[in-house]
Amino acid sequence: MNPRMHYLITGGCGFIGCNFIRGLLADEPGARVTNVDALTLCGE
């Protein structure tokens, strides 16, 4: 596990993406996450 790992997540504001990011940070607490999402109706 690399504490300086950086992840780029697309669609992280939706149900699946949000839970994916939460699980990722639970498994790798030192990871950096950048979330890119269009925030359309489906992501609200």
Protein backbone atom coordinates (compact mmCIF):
# COMPACT_ATOMS: atom_id res chain seq x y z
CA MET A 1 0.00 0.00 0.00
CA ASN A 2 1.47 3.31 -1.13
CA PRO A 3 0.39 6.18 1.19
CA ARG A 4 0.92 8.73 -1.57
CA MET A 5 -1.35 7.02 -4.10
CA HIS A 6 -3.64 9.43 -5.99
CA TYR A 7 -6.88 8.27 -7.62
CA LEU A 8 -8.96 10.10 -10.23
CA ILE A 9 -12.60 9.02 -9.94
CA THR A 10 -15.25 10.02 -12.47
CA GLY A 11 -18.90 9.96 -11.46
CA GLY A 12 -18.16 9.86 -7.74
CA CYS A 13 -21.25 11.85 -6.72
CA GLY A 14 -23.65 9.07 -7.63
CA PHE A 15 -24.65 6.16 -5.43
CA ILE A 16 -22.07 3.67 -6.72
CA GLY A 17 -19.26 6.21 -7.06
CA CYS A 18 -19.81 7.60 -3.56
CA ASN A 19 -19.68 4.14 -2.00
CA PHE A 20 -16.64 3.27 -4.09
CA ILE A 21 -14.78 6.32 -2.78
CA ARG A 22 -15.80 5.57 0.81
CA GLY A 23 -14.59 1.99 0.47
CA LEU A 24 -11.36 3.10 -1.16
CA LEU A 25 -10.60 5.54 1.66
CA ALA A 26 -11.47 2.90 4.26
CA ASP A 27 -8.98 0.49 2.66
CA GLU A 28 -6.30 3.12 1.95
CA PRO A 29 -6.64 5.97 4.48
CA GLY A 30 -3.60 7.83 3.12
CA ALA A 31 -4.85 7.89 -0.48
CA ARG A 32 -5.68 11.13 -2.28
CA VAL A 33 -8.93 11.12 -4.26
CA THR A 34 -9.98 13.61 -6.94
CA ASN A 35 -13.62 13.29 -7.94
CA VAL A 36 -14.86 14.64 -11.28
CA ASP A 37 -18.62 14.60 -11.85
CA ALA A 38 -20.97 16.47 -14.16
CA LEU A 39 -23.54 16.87 -11.33
CA THR A 40 -26.50 16.29 -13.61
CA LEU A 41 -29.92 15.21 -12.36
CA CYS A 42 -28.68 11.65 -11.74
CA GLY A 43 -25.87 12.83 -9.45
CA GLU A 44 -27.98 14.94 -7.13
